[in-house]
Structure formats: C-alpha cells, structure tokens
mmCIF file of all heavy atoms, coordinates in Angstrom:
data_MODEL
# 
_entry.id   MODEL 
# 
loop_
_atom_site.group_PDB 
_atom_site.id 
_atom_site.type_symbol 
_atom_site.label_atom_id 
_atom_site.label_alt_id 
_atom_site.label_comp_id 
_atom_site.label_asym_id 
_atom_site.label_entity_id 
_atom_site.label_seq_id 
_atom_site.pdbx_PDB_ins_code 
_atom_site.Cartn_x 
_atom_site.Cartn_y 
_atom_site.Cartn_z 
_atom_site.occupancy 
_atom_site.B_iso_or_equiv 
_atom_site.pdbx_formal_charge 
_atom_site.auth_seq_id 
_atom_site.auth_comp_id 
_atom_site.auth_asym_id 
_atom_site.auth_atom_id 
_atom_site.pdbx_PDB_model_num 
ATOM 1   N N   . MET A 1 1  ? -54.291 237.051 155.840 1.00 0.00 ? 1  MET A N   1 
ATOM 2   C CA  . MET A 1 1  ? -54.637 238.450 155.842 1.00 0.00 ? 1  MET A CA  1 
ATOM 3   C C   . MET A 1 1  ? -55.728 238.815 157.030 1.00 0.00 ? 1  MET A C   1 
ATOM 4   O O   . MET A 1 1  ? -55.562 239.516 157.902 1.00 0.00 ? 1  MET A O   1 
ATOM 5   C CB  . MET A 1 1  ? -55.178 239.100 154.661 1.00 0.00 ? 1  MET A CB  1 
ATOM 6   C CG  . MET A 1 1  ? -55.516 240.557 154.589 1.00 0.00 ? 1  MET A CG  1 
ATOM 7   S SD  . MET A 1 1  ? -56.153 241.148 153.009 1.00 0.00 ? 1  MET A SD  1 
ATOM 8   C CE  . MET A 1 1  ? -57.687 240.236 152.942 1.00 0.00 ? 1  MET A CE  1 
ATOM 9   N N   . ARG A 1 2  ? -56.835 237.976 156.944 1.00 0.00 ? 2  ARG A N   1 
ATOM 10  C CA  . ARG A 1 2  ? -57.834 238.183 157.976 1.00 0.00 ? 2  ARG A CA  1 
ATOM 11  C C   . ARG A 1 2  ? -57.483 237.606 159.274 1.00 0.00 ? 2  ARG A C   1 
ATOM 12  O O   . ARG A 1 2  ? -57.743 238.165 160.316 1.00 0.00 ? 2  ARG A O   1 
ATOM 13  C CB  . ARG A 1 2  ? -59.160 237.582 157.465 1.00 0.00 ? 2  ARG A CB  1 
ATOM 14  C CG  . ARG A 1 2  ? -59.792 238.259 156.331 1.00 0.00 ? 2  ARG A CG  1 
ATOM 15  C CD  . ARG A 1 2  ? -61.229 238.091 156.191 1.00 0.00 ? 2  ARG A CD  1 
ATOM 16  N NE  . ARG A 1 2  ? -61.999 238.445 157.393 1.00 0.00 ? 2  ARG A NE  1 
ATOM 17  C CZ  . ARG A 1 2  ? -63.276 238.388 157.483 1.00 0.00 ? 2  ARG A CZ  1 
ATOM 18  N NH1 . ARG A 1 2  ? -64.041 237.929 156.487 1.00 0.00 ? 2  ARG A NH1 1 
ATOM 19  N NH2 . ARG A 1 2  ? -63.934 238.784 158.592 1.00 0.00 ? 2  ARG A NH2 1 
ATOM 20  N N   . GLY A 1 3  ? -56.782 236.406 159.131 1.00 0.00 ? 3  GLY A N   1 
ATOM 21  C CA  . GLY A 1 3  ? -56.520 235.810 160.495 1.00 0.00 ? 3  GLY A CA  1 
ATOM 22  C C   . GLY A 1 3  ? -55.492 236.546 161.299 1.00 0.00 ? 3  GLY A C   1 
ATOM 23  O O   . GLY A 1 3  ? -55.477 236.544 162.559 1.00 0.00 ? 3  GLY A O   1 
ATOM 24  N N   . LEU A 1 4  ? -54.484 237.211 160.588 1.00 0.00 ? 4  LEU A N   1 
ATOM 25  C CA  . LEU A 1 4  ? -53.403 237.952 161.306 1.00 0.00 ? 4  LEU A CA  1 
ATOM 26  C C   . LEU A 1 4  ? -53.713 239.506 161.359 1.00 0.00 ? 4  LEU A C   1 
ATOM 27  O O   . LEU A 1 4  ? -52.892 240.316 161.896 1.00 0.00 ? 4  LEU A O   1 
ATOM 28  C CB  . LEU A 1 4  ? -52.112 237.797 160.586 1.00 0.00 ? 4  LEU A CB  1 
ATOM 29  C CG  . LEU A 1 4  ? -51.616 236.360 160.598 1.00 0.00 ? 4  LEU A CG  1 
ATOM 30  C CD1 . LEU A 1 4  ? -50.322 236.176 159.701 1.00 0.00 ? 4  LEU A CD1 1 
ATOM 31  C CD2 . LEU A 1 4  ? -51.238 235.739 161.975 1.00 0.00 ? 4  LEU A CD2 1 
ATOM 32  N N   . GLY A 1 5  ? -54.899 239.805 160.822 1.00 0.00 ? 5  GLY A N   1 
ATOM 33  C CA  . GLY A 1 5  ? -55.325 241.251 160.937 1.00 0.00 ? 5  GLY A CA  1 
ATOM 34  C C   . GLY A 1 5  ? -54.458 242.157 160.082 1.00 0.00 ? 5  GLY A C   1 
ATOM 35  O O   . GLY A 1 5  ? -54.318 243.326 160.340 1.00 0.00 ? 5  GLY A O   1 
ATOM 36  N N   . LEU A 1 6  ? -54.060 241.683 158.918 1.00 0.00 ? 6  LEU A N   1 
ATOM 37  C CA  . LEU A 1 6  ? -53.219 242.421 158.032 1.00 0.00 ? 6  LEU A CA  1 
ATOM 38  C C   . LEU A 1 6  ? -54.105 243.390 157.100 1.00 0.00 ? 6  LEU A C   1 
ATOM 39  O O   . LEU A 1 6  ? -53.444 244.085 156.330 1.00 0.00 ? 6  LEU A O   1 
ATOM 40  C CB  . LEU A 1 6  ? -52.277 241.569 157.167 1.00 0.00 ? 6  LEU A CB  1 
ATOM 41  C CG  . LEU A 1 6  ? -51.318 240.737 158.108 1.00 0.00 ? 6  LEU A CG  1 
ATOM 42  C CD1 . LEU A 1 6  ? -50.444 239.798 157.187 1.00 0.00 ? 6  LEU A CD1 1 
ATOM 43  C CD2 . LEU A 1 6  ? -50.344 241.606 158.880 1.00 0.00 ? 6  LEU A CD2 1 
ATOM 44  N N   . ASP A 1 7  ? -55.349 243.195 157.091 1.00 0.00 ? 7  ASP A N   1 
ATOM 45  C CA  . ASP A 1 7  ? -56.151 243.977 156.178 1.00 0.00 ? 7  ASP A CA  1 
ATOM 46  C C   . ASP A 1 7  ? -56.570 245.200 156.802 1.00 0.00 ? 7  ASP A C   1 
ATOM 47  O O   . ASP A 1 7  ? -57.299 246.028 156.209 1.00 0.00 ? 7  ASP A O   1 
ATOM 48  C CB  . ASP A 1 7  ? -57.420 243.170 155.688 1.00 0.00 ? 7  ASP A CB  1 
ATOM 49  C CG  . ASP A 1 7  ? -58.280 242.700 156.741 1.00 0.00 ? 7  ASP A CG  1 
ATOM 50  O OD1 . ASP A 1 7  ? -57.860 242.907 157.966 1.00 0.00 ? 7  ASP A OD1 1 
ATOM 51  O OD2 . ASP A 1 7  ? -59.348 242.120 156.473 1.00 0.00 ? 7  ASP A OD2 1 
ATOM 52  N N   . ASN A 1 8  ? -56.317 245.502 158.041 1.00 0.00 ? 8  ASN A N   1 
ATOM 53  C CA  . ASN A 1 8  ? -56.784 246.692 158.724 1.00 0.00 ? 8  ASN A CA  1 
ATOM 54  C C   . ASN A 1 8  ? -58.215 246.867 158.715 1.00 0.00 ? 8  ASN A C   1 
ATOM 55  O O   . ASN A 1 8  ? -58.709 248.034 158.688 1.00 0.00 ? 8  ASN A O   1 
ATOM 56  C CB  . ASN A 1 8  ? -56.035 247.864 158.107 1.00 0.00 ? 8  ASN A CB  1 
ATOM 57  C CG  . ASN A 1 8  ? -54.586 247.842 158.315 1.00 0.00 ? 8  ASN A CG  1 
ATOM 58  O OD1 . ASN A 1 8  ? -54.019 247.318 159.316 1.00 0.00 ? 8  ASN A OD1 1 
ATOM 59  N ND2 . ASN A 1 8  ? -53.854 248.477 157.409 1.00 0.00 ? 8  ASN A ND2 1 
ATOM 60  N N   . GLY A 1 9  ? -58.998 245.846 158.543 1.00 0.00 ? 9  GLY A N   1 
ATOM 61  C CA  . GLY A 1 9  ? -60.512 245.864 158.526 1.00 0.00 ? 9  GLY A CA  1 
ATOM 62  C C   . GLY A 1 9  ? -60.969 246.413 157.207 1.00 0.00 ? 9  GLY A C   1 
ATOM 63  O O   . GLY A 1 9  ? -62.146 246.907 157.148 1.00 0.00 ? 9  GLY A O   1 
ATOM 64  N N   . GLU A 1 10 ? -60.207 246.543 156.123 1.00 0.00 ? 10 GLU A N   1 
ATOM 65  C CA  . GLU A 1 10 ? -60.615 247.098 154.941 1.00 0.00 ? 10 GLU A CA  1 
ATOM 66  C C   . GLU A 1 10 ? -61.442 246.107 154.086 1.00 0.00 ? 10 GLU A C   1 
ATOM 67  O O   . GLU A 1 10 ? -60.866 245.152 153.555 1.00 0.00 ? 10 GLU A O   1 
ATOM 68  C CB  . GLU A 1 10 ? -59.391 247.598 154.083 1.00 0.00 ? 10 GLU A CB  1 
ATOM 69  C CG  . GLU A 1 10 ? -58.649 248.696 154.744 1.00 0.00 ? 10 GLU A CG  1 
ATOM 70  C CD  . GLU A 1 10 ? -57.537 249.239 153.853 1.00 0.00 ? 10 GLU A CD  1 
ATOM 71  O OE1 . GLU A 1 10 ? -57.697 249.101 152.560 1.00 0.00 ? 10 GLU A OE1 1 
ATOM 72  O OE2 . GLU A 1 10 ? -56.478 249.578 154.300 1.00 0.00 ? 10 GLU A OE2 1 
ATOM 73  N N   . LYS A 1 11 ? -62.725 246.330 154.149 1.00 0.00 ? 11 LYS A N   1 
ATOM 74  C CA  . LYS A 1 11 ? -63.643 245.282 153.385 1.00 0.00 ? 11 LYS A CA  1 
ATOM 75  C C   . LYS A 1 11 ? -63.467 245.414 151.855 1.00 0.00 ? 11 LYS A C   1 
ATOM 76  O O   . LYS A 1 11 ? -63.677 244.342 151.269 1.00 0.00 ? 11 LYS A O   1 
ATOM 77  C CB  . LYS A 1 11 ? -65.102 245.541 153.793 1.00 0.00 ? 11 LYS A CB  1 
ATOM 78  C CG  . LYS A 1 11 ? -65.431 245.332 155.297 1.00 0.00 ? 11 LYS A CG  1 
ATOM 79  C CD  . LYS A 1 11 ? -66.842 245.488 155.514 1.00 0.00 ? 11 LYS A CD  1 
ATOM 80  C CE  . LYS A 1 11 ? -67.157 245.155 157.051 1.00 0.00 ? 11 LYS A CE  1 
ATOM 81  N NZ  . LYS A 1 11 ? -68.535 245.397 157.478 1.00 0.00 ? 11 LYS A NZ  1 
ATOM 82  N N   . ASP A 1 12 ? -63.079 246.499 151.390 1.00 0.00 ? 12 ASP A N   1 
ATOM 83  C CA  . ASP A 1 12 ? -62.821 246.590 149.903 1.00 0.00 ? 12 ASP A CA  1 
ATOM 84  C C   . ASP A 1 12 ? -61.657 245.615 149.542 1.00 0.00 ? 12 ASP A C   1 
ATOM 85  O O   . ASP A 1 12 ? -61.747 244.986 148.450 1.00 0.00 ? 12 ASP A O   1 
ATOM 86  C CB  . ASP A 1 12 ? -62.518 248.043 149.539 1.00 0.00 ? 12 ASP A CB  1 
ATOM 87  C CG  . ASP A 1 12 ? -63.683 248.972 149.596 1.00 0.00 ? 12 ASP A CG  1 
ATOM 88  O OD1 . ASP A 1 12 ? -64.712 248.440 149.621 1.00 0.00 ? 12 ASP A OD1 1 
ATOM 89  O OD2 . ASP A 1 12 ? -63.504 250.178 149.679 1.00 0.00 ? 12 ASP A OD2 1 
ATOM 90  N N   . MET A 1 13 ? -60.717 245.574 150.338 1.00 0.00 ? 13 MET A N   1 
ATOM 91  C CA  . MET A 1 13 ? -59.521 244.665 150.044 1.00 0.00 ? 13 MET A CA  1 
ATOM 92  C C   . MET A 1 13 ? -60.082 243.218 150.080 1.00 0.00 ? 13 MET A C   1 
ATOM 93  O O   . MET A 1 13 ? -59.656 242.496 149.147 1.00 0.00 ? 13 MET A O   1 
ATOM 94  C CB  . MET A 1 13 ? -58.450 244.768 151.198 1.00 0.00 ? 13 MET A CB  1 
ATOM 95  C CG  . MET A 1 13 ? -57.299 243.928 150.804 1.00 0.00 ? 13 MET A CG  1 
ATOM 96  S SD  . MET A 1 13 ? -56.008 243.968 152.225 1.00 0.00 ? 13 MET A SD  1 
ATOM 97  C CE  . MET A 1 13 ? -55.413 245.595 152.030 1.00 0.00 ? 13 MET A CE  1 
ATOM 98  N N   . ARG A 1 14 ? -60.834 242.875 151.046 1.00 0.00 ? 14 ARG A N   1 
ATOM 99  C CA  . ARG A 1 14 ? -61.328 241.465 151.116 1.00 0.00 ? 14 ARG A CA  1 
ATOM 100 C C   . ARG A 1 14 ? -62.232 241.246 149.809 1.00 0.00 ? 14 ARG A C   1 
ATOM 101 O O   . ARG A 1 14 ? -62.151 240.139 149.234 1.00 0.00 ? 14 ARG A O   1 
ATOM 102 C CB  . ARG A 1 14 ? -62.273 241.333 152.258 1.00 0.00 ? 14 ARG A CB  1 
ATOM 103 C CG  . ARG A 1 14 ? -61.495 241.500 153.664 1.00 0.00 ? 14 ARG A CG  1 
ATOM 104 C CD  . ARG A 1 14 ? -62.424 241.419 154.876 1.00 0.00 ? 14 ARG A CD  1 
ATOM 105 N NE  . ARG A 1 14 ? -61.740 241.766 156.101 1.00 0.00 ? 14 ARG A NE  1 
ATOM 106 C CZ  . ARG A 1 14 ? -62.365 241.879 157.212 1.00 0.00 ? 14 ARG A CZ  1 
ATOM 107 N NH1 . ARG A 1 14 ? -63.667 241.708 157.270 1.00 0.00 ? 14 ARG A NH1 1 
ATOM 108 N NH2 . ARG A 1 14 ? -61.710 242.156 158.331 1.00 0.00 ? 14 ARG A NH2 1 
ATOM 109 N N   . ARG A 1 15 ? -63.104 242.218 149.507 1.00 0.00 ? 15 ARG A N   1 
ATOM 110 C CA  . ARG A 1 15 ? -63.906 241.886 148.320 1.00 0.00 ? 15 ARG A CA  1 
ATOM 111 C C   . ARG A 1 15 ? -63.099 241.867 147.035 1.00 0.00 ? 15 ARG A C   1 
ATOM 112 O O   . ARG A 1 15 ? -63.452 241.039 146.179 1.00 0.00 ? 15 ARG A O   1 
ATOM 113 C CB  . ARG A 1 15 ? -64.920 243.030 148.260 1.00 0.00 ? 15 ARG A CB  1 
ATOM 114 C CG  . ARG A 1 15 ? -66.073 242.922 149.224 1.00 0.00 ? 15 ARG A CG  1 
ATOM 115 C CD  . ARG A 1 15 ? -67.303 243.878 148.854 1.00 0.00 ? 15 ARG A CD  1 
ATOM 116 N NE  . ARG A 1 15 ? -66.842 245.206 149.047 1.00 0.00 ? 15 ARG A NE  1 
ATOM 117 C CZ  . ARG A 1 15 ? -67.186 245.826 150.240 1.00 0.00 ? 15 ARG A CZ  1 
ATOM 118 N NH1 . ARG A 1 15 ? -67.929 245.223 151.178 1.00 0.00 ? 15 ARG A NH1 1 
ATOM 119 N NH2 . ARG A 1 15 ? -66.866 247.189 150.377 1.00 0.00 ? 15 ARG A NH2 1 
ATOM 120 N N   . SER A 1 16 ? -62.055 242.603 146.903 1.00 0.00 ? 16 SER A N   1 
ATOM 121 C CA  . SER A 1 16 ? -61.204 242.461 145.732 1.00 0.00 ? 16 SER A CA  1 
ATOM 122 C C   . SER A 1 16 ? -60.589 241.150 145.643 1.00 0.00 ? 16 SER A C   1 
ATOM 123 O O   . SER A 1 16 ? -60.550 240.592 144.499 1.00 0.00 ? 16 SER A O   1 
ATOM 124 C CB  . SER A 1 16 ? -60.051 243.581 145.859 1.00 0.00 ? 16 SER A CB  1 
ATOM 125 O OG  . SER A 1 16 ? -60.557 244.915 145.886 1.00 0.00 ? 16 SER A OG  1 
ATOM 126 N N   . LEU A 1 17 ? -60.051 240.610 146.672 1.00 0.00 ? 17 LEU A N   1 
ATOM 127 C CA  . LEU A 1 17 ? -59.467 239.297 146.634 1.00 0.00 ? 17 LEU A CA  1 
ATOM 128 C C   . LEU A 1 17 ? -60.491 238.270 146.365 1.00 0.00 ? 17 LEU A C   1 
ATOM 129 O O   . LEU A 1 17 ? -60.207 237.276 145.660 1.00 0.00 ? 17 LEU A O   1 
ATOM 130 C CB  . LEU A 1 17 ? -58.781 238.952 147.896 1.00 0.00 ? 17 LEU A CB  1 
ATOM 131 C CG  . LEU A 1 17 ? -57.294 239.519 148.112 1.00 0.00 ? 17 LEU A CG  1 
ATOM 132 C CD1 . LEU A 1 17 ? -56.862 239.188 149.498 1.00 0.00 ? 17 LEU A CD1 1 
ATOM 133 C CD2 . LEU A 1 17 ? -56.389 238.944 147.105 1.00 0.00 ? 17 LEU A CD2 1 
ATOM 134 N N   . THR A 1 18 ? -61.654 238.277 146.971 1.00 0.00 ? 18 THR A N   1 
ATOM 135 C CA  . THR A 1 18 ? -62.659 237.331 146.690 1.00 0.00 ? 18 THR A CA  1 
ATOM 136 C C   . THR A 1 18 ? -63.226 237.405 145.375 1.00 0.00 ? 18 THR A C   1 
ATOM 137 O O   . THR A 1 18 ? -63.332 236.304 144.732 1.00 0.00 ? 18 THR A O   1 
ATOM 138 C CB  . THR A 1 18 ? -63.887 237.689 147.676 1.00 0.00 ? 18 THR A CB  1 
ATOM 139 O OG1 . THR A 1 18 ? -63.494 237.628 149.018 1.00 0.00 ? 18 THR A OG1 1 
ATOM 140 C CG2 . THR A 1 18 ? -65.049 236.704 147.483 1.00 0.00 ? 18 THR A CG2 1 
ATOM 141 N N   . ARG A 1 19 ? -63.277 238.597 144.705 1.00 0.00 ? 19 ARG A N   1 
ATOM 142 C CA  . ARG A 1 19 ? -63.643 238.601 143.239 1.00 0.00 ? 19 ARG A CA  1 
ATOM 143 C C   . ARG A 1 19 ? -62.617 238.018 142.361 1.00 0.00 ? 19 ARG A C   1 
ATOM 144 O O   . ARG A 1 19 ? -62.945 237.293 141.449 1.00 0.00 ? 19 ARG A O   1 
ATOM 145 C CB  . ARG A 1 19 ? -63.906 240.176 142.891 1.00 0.00 ? 19 ARG A CB  1 
ATOM 146 C CG  . ARG A 1 19 ? -65.233 240.635 143.268 1.00 0.00 ? 19 ARG A CG  1 
ATOM 147 C CD  . ARG A 1 19 ? -65.588 242.011 142.601 1.00 0.00 ? 19 ARG A CD  1 
ATOM 148 N NE  . ARG A 1 19 ? -64.532 242.950 142.876 1.00 0.00 ? 19 ARG A NE  1 
ATOM 149 C CZ  . ARG A 1 19 ? -64.714 243.890 143.794 1.00 0.00 ? 19 ARG A CZ  1 
ATOM 150 N NH1 . ARG A 1 19 ? -65.834 243.936 144.624 1.00 0.00 ? 19 ARG A NH1 1 
ATOM 151 N NH2 . ARG A 1 19 ? -63.829 244.815 144.025 1.00 0.00 ? 19 ARG A NH2 1 
ATOM 152 N N   . ALA A 1 20 ? -61.250 238.265 142.784 1.00 0.00 ? 20 ALA A N   1 
ATOM 153 C CA  . ALA A 1 20 ? -60.219 237.644 142.017 1.00 0.00 ? 20 ALA A CA  1 
ATOM 154 C C   . ALA A 1 20 ? -60.247 236.124 142.092 1.00 0.00 ? 20 ALA A C   1 
ATOM 155 O O   . ALA A 1 20 ? -59.993 235.452 141.051 1.00 0.00 ? 20 ALA A O   1 
ATOM 156 C CB  . ALA A 1 20 ? -58.867 238.195 142.500 1.00 0.00 ? 20 ALA A CB  1 
ATOM 157 N N   . VAL A 1 21 ? -60.470 235.672 143.215 1.00 0.00 ? 21 VAL A N   1 
ATOM 158 C CA  . VAL A 1 21 ? -60.515 234.127 143.379 1.00 0.00 ? 21 VAL A CA  1 
ATOM 159 C C   . VAL A 1 21 ? -61.691 233.578 142.702 1.00 0.00 ? 21 VAL A C   1 
ATOM 160 O O   . VAL A 1 21 ? -61.543 232.553 142.003 1.00 0.00 ? 21 VAL A O   1 
ATOM 161 C CB  . VAL A 1 21 ? -60.557 233.779 145.002 1.00 0.00 ? 21 VAL A CB  1 
ATOM 162 C CG1 . VAL A 1 21 ? -60.896 232.337 145.060 1.00 0.00 ? 21 VAL A CG1 1 
ATOM 163 C CG2 . VAL A 1 21 ? -59.369 234.114 145.577 1.00 0.00 ? 21 VAL A CG2 1 
ATOM 164 N N   . TYR A 1 22 ? -62.805 234.256 142.706 1.00 0.00 ? 22 TYR A N   1 
ATOM 165 C CA  . TYR A 1 22 ? -63.997 233.858 141.997 1.00 0.00 ? 22 TYR A CA  1 
ATOM 166 C C   . TYR A 1 22 ? -63.763 233.739 140.553 1.00 0.00 ? 22 TYR A C   1 
ATOM 167 O O   . TYR A 1 22 ? -64.101 232.708 139.819 1.00 0.00 ? 22 TYR A O   1 
ATOM 168 C CB  . TYR A 1 22 ? -65.224 234.651 142.370 1.00 0.00 ? 22 TYR A CB  1 
ATOM 169 C CG  . TYR A 1 22 ? -66.464 234.236 141.738 1.00 0.00 ? 22 TYR A CG  1 
ATOM 170 C CD1 . TYR A 1 22 ? -67.272 233.226 142.427 1.00 0.00 ? 22 TYR A CD1 1 
ATOM 171 C CD2 . TYR A 1 22 ? -67.031 234.686 140.542 1.00 0.00 ? 22 TYR A CD2 1 
ATOM 172 C CE1 . TYR A 1 22 ? -68.502 232.831 141.872 1.00 0.00 ? 22 TYR A CE1 1 
ATOM 173 C CE2 . TYR A 1 22 ? -68.131 234.197 139.932 1.00 0.00 ? 22 TYR A CE2 1 
ATOM 174 C CZ  . TYR A 1 22 ? -69.002 233.319 140.674 1.00 0.00 ? 22 TYR A CZ  1 
ATOM 175 O OH  . TYR A 1 22 ? -70.068 232.862 140.087 1.00 0.00 ? 22 TYR A OH  1 
ATOM 176 N N   . GLY A 1 23 ? -63.094 234.769 140.112 1.00 0.00 ? 23 GLY A N   1 
ATOM 177 C CA  . GLY A 1 23 ? -62.714 234.747 138.669 1.00 0.00 ? 23 GLY A CA  1 
ATOM 178 C C   . GLY A 1 23 ? -61.730 233.674 138.238 1.00 0.00 ? 23 GLY A C   1 
ATOM 179 O O   . GLY A 1 23 ? -61.974 233.070 137.243 1.00 0.00 ? 23 GLY A O   1 
ATOM 180 N N   . MET A 1 24 ? -60.814 233.415 139.143 1.00 0.00 ? 24 MET A N   1 
ATOM 181 C CA  . MET A 1 24 ? -59.821 232.330 138.931 1.00 0.00 ? 24 MET A CA  1 
ATOM 182 C C   . MET A 1 24 ? -60.530 230.895 138.861 1.00 0.00 ? 24 MET A C   1 
ATOM 183 O O   . MET A 1 24 ? -60.232 230.030 138.051 1.00 0.00 ? 24 MET A O   1 
ATOM 184 C CB  . MET A 1 24 ? -58.745 232.348 139.946 1.00 0.00 ? 24 MET A CB  1 
ATOM 185 C CG  . MET A 1 24 ? -57.742 233.493 139.860 1.00 0.00 ? 24 MET A CG  1 
ATOM 186 S SD  . MET A 1 24 ? -56.638 233.395 138.355 1.00 0.00 ? 24 MET A SD  1 
ATOM 187 C CE  . MET A 1 24 ? -55.757 234.822 138.669 1.00 0.00 ? 24 MET A CE  1 
ATOM 188 N N   . ILE A 1 25 ? -61.467 230.755 139.693 1.00 0.00 ? 25 ILE A N   1 
ATOM 189 C CA  . ILE A 1 25 ? -62.248 229.509 139.827 1.00 0.00 ? 25 ILE A CA  1 
ATOM 190 C C   . ILE A 1 25 ? -63.075 229.343 138.527 1.00 0.00 ? 25 ILE A C   1 
ATOM 191 O O   . ILE A 1 25 ? -63.040 228.226 137.899 1.00 0.00 ? 25 ILE A O   1 
ATOM 192 C CB  . ILE A 1 25 ? -63.163 229.477 141.014 1.00 0.00 ? 25 ILE A CB  1 
ATOM 193 C CG1 . ILE A 1 25 ? -62.420 229.519 142.329 1.00 0.00 ? 25 ILE A CG1 1 
ATOM 194 C CG2 . ILE A 1 25 ? -64.126 228.259 140.865 1.00 0.00 ? 25 ILE A CG2 1 
ATOM 195 C CD1 . ILE A 1 25 ? -61.605 228.264 142.439 1.00 0.00 ? 25 ILE A CD1 1 
ATOM 196 N N   . CYS A 1 26 ? -63.638 230.397 137.994 1.00 0.00 ? 26 CYS A N   1 
ATOM 197 C CA  . CYS A 1 26 ? -64.376 230.362 136.782 1.00 0.00 ? 26 CYS A CA  1 
ATOM 198 C C   . CYS A 1 26 ? -63.479 230.038 135.604 1.00 0.00 ? 26 CYS A C   1 
ATOM 199 O O   . CYS A 1 26 ? -63.695 229.113 134.718 1.00 0.00 ? 26 CYS A O   1 
ATOM 200 C CB  . CYS A 1 26 ? -65.007 231.759 136.438 1.00 0.00 ? 26 CYS A CB  1 
ATOM 201 S SG  . CYS A 1 26 ? -66.486 232.018 137.552 1.00 0.00 ? 26 CYS A SG  1 
ATOM 202 N N   . LEU A 1 27 ? -62.243 230.690 135.598 1.00 0.00 ? 27 LEU A N   1 
ATOM 203 C CA  . LEU A 1 27 ? -61.257 230.400 134.576 1.00 0.00 ? 27 LEU A CA  1 
ATOM 204 C C   . LEU A 1 27 ? -60.737 228.877 134.575 1.00 0.00 ? 27 LEU A C   1 
ATOM 205 O O   . LEU A 1 27 ? -60.596 228.222 133.544 1.00 0.00 ? 27 LEU A O   1 
ATOM 206 C CB  . LEU A 1 27 ? -60.009 231.327 134.754 1.00 0.00 ? 27 LEU A CB  1 
ATOM 207 C CG  . LEU A 1 27 ? -58.889 231.159 133.742 1.00 0.00 ? 27 LEU A CG  1 
ATOM 208 C CD1 . LEU A 1 27 ? -59.360 231.511 132.421 1.00 0.00 ? 27 LEU A CD1 1 
ATOM 209 C CD2 . LEU A 1 27 ? -57.714 231.990 134.177 1.00 0.00 ? 27 LEU A CD2 1 
ATOM 210 N N   . THR A 1 28 ? -60.541 228.367 135.873 1.00 0.00 ? 28 THR A N   1 
ATOM 211 C CA  . THR A 1 28 ? -60.098 226.940 135.953 1.00 0.00 ? 28 THR A CA  1 
ATOM 212 C C   . THR A 1 28 ? -61.116 226.038 135.504 1.00 0.00 ? 28 THR A C   1 
ATOM 213 O O   . THR A 1 28 ? -60.858 225.127 134.799 1.00 0.00 ? 28 THR A O   1 
ATOM 214 C CB  . THR A 1 28 ? -59.850 226.694 137.450 1.00 0.00 ? 28 THR A CB  1 
ATOM 215 O OG1 . THR A 1 28 ? -58.917 227.695 137.979 1.00 0.00 ? 28 THR A OG1 1 
ATOM 216 C CG2 . THR A 1 28 ? -59.355 225.279 137.739 1.00 0.00 ? 28 THR A CG2 1 
ATOM 217 N N   . LEU A 1 29 ? -62.468 226.306 135.828 1.00 0.00 ? 29 LEU A N   1 
ATOM 218 C CA  . LEU A 1 29 ? -63.540 225.456 135.328 1.00 0.00 ? 29 LEU A CA  1 
ATOM 219 C C   . LEU A 1 29 ? -63.527 225.437 133.801 1.00 0.00 ? 29 LEU A C   1 
ATOM 220 O O   . LEU A 1 29 ? -63.626 224.390 133.153 1.00 0.00 ? 29 LEU A O   1 
ATOM 221 C CB  . LEU A 1 29 ? -64.852 225.921 135.827 1.00 0.00 ? 29 LEU A CB  1 
ATOM 222 C CG  . LEU A 1 29 ? -66.156 225.243 135.260 1.00 0.00 ? 29 LEU A CG  1 
ATOM 223 C CD1 . LEU A 1 29 ? -66.041 223.707 135.492 1.00 0.00 ? 29 LEU A CD1 1 
ATOM 224 C CD2 . LEU A 1 29 ? -67.352 225.887 135.857 1.00 0.00 ? 29 LEU A CD2 1 
ATOM 225 N N   . PHE A 1 30 ? -63.502 226.661 133.235 1.00 0.00 ? 30 PHE A N   1 
ATOM 226 C CA  . PHE A 1 30 ? -63.597 226.789 131.735 1.00 0.00 ? 30 PHE A CA  1 
ATOM 227 C C   . PHE A 1 30 ? -62.445 225.953 131.052 1.00 0.00 ? 30 PHE A C   1 
ATOM 228 O O   . PHE A 1 30 ? -62.633 225.142 130.145 1.00 0.00 ? 30 PHE A O   1 
ATOM 229 C CB  . PHE A 1 30 ? -63.558 228.159 131.280 1.00 0.00 ? 30 PHE A CB  1 
ATOM 230 C CG  . PHE A 1 30 ? -63.527 228.460 129.784 1.00 0.00 ? 30 PHE A CG  1 
ATOM 231 C CD1 . PHE A 1 30 ? -64.635 228.120 129.035 1.00 0.00 ? 30 PHE A CD1 1 
ATOM 232 C CD2 . PHE A 1 30 ? -62.238 228.789 129.256 1.00 0.00 ? 30 PHE A CD2 1 
ATOM 233 C CE1 . PHE A 1 30 ? -64.612 228.273 127.607 1.00 0.00 ? 30 PHE A CE1 1 
ATOM 234 C CE2 . PHE A 1 30 ? -62.248 229.000 127.802 1.00 0.00 ? 30 PHE A CE2 1 
ATOM 235 C CZ  . PHE A 1 30 ? -63.366 228.746 127.058 1.00 0.00 ? 30 PHE A CZ  1 
# 
C-alpha cells in the first residue's frame, strides 16, 4: 500500500493496519 501509493497518503489507514498487526503479534505471542 505504501510502496505503490495505494493509501492516498491517509495516515489513519496506516495507523489502523499497524494497530491490527500489533494486536496480531500480541495474540501470536500469547
């Protein structure tokens, strides 16, 4: 998304994905 410019510069979208990934990592660890 960021490399190909598909997020249209929407930082909220980036933050949403980052939070989701962080949550998945926590779930994986647990």
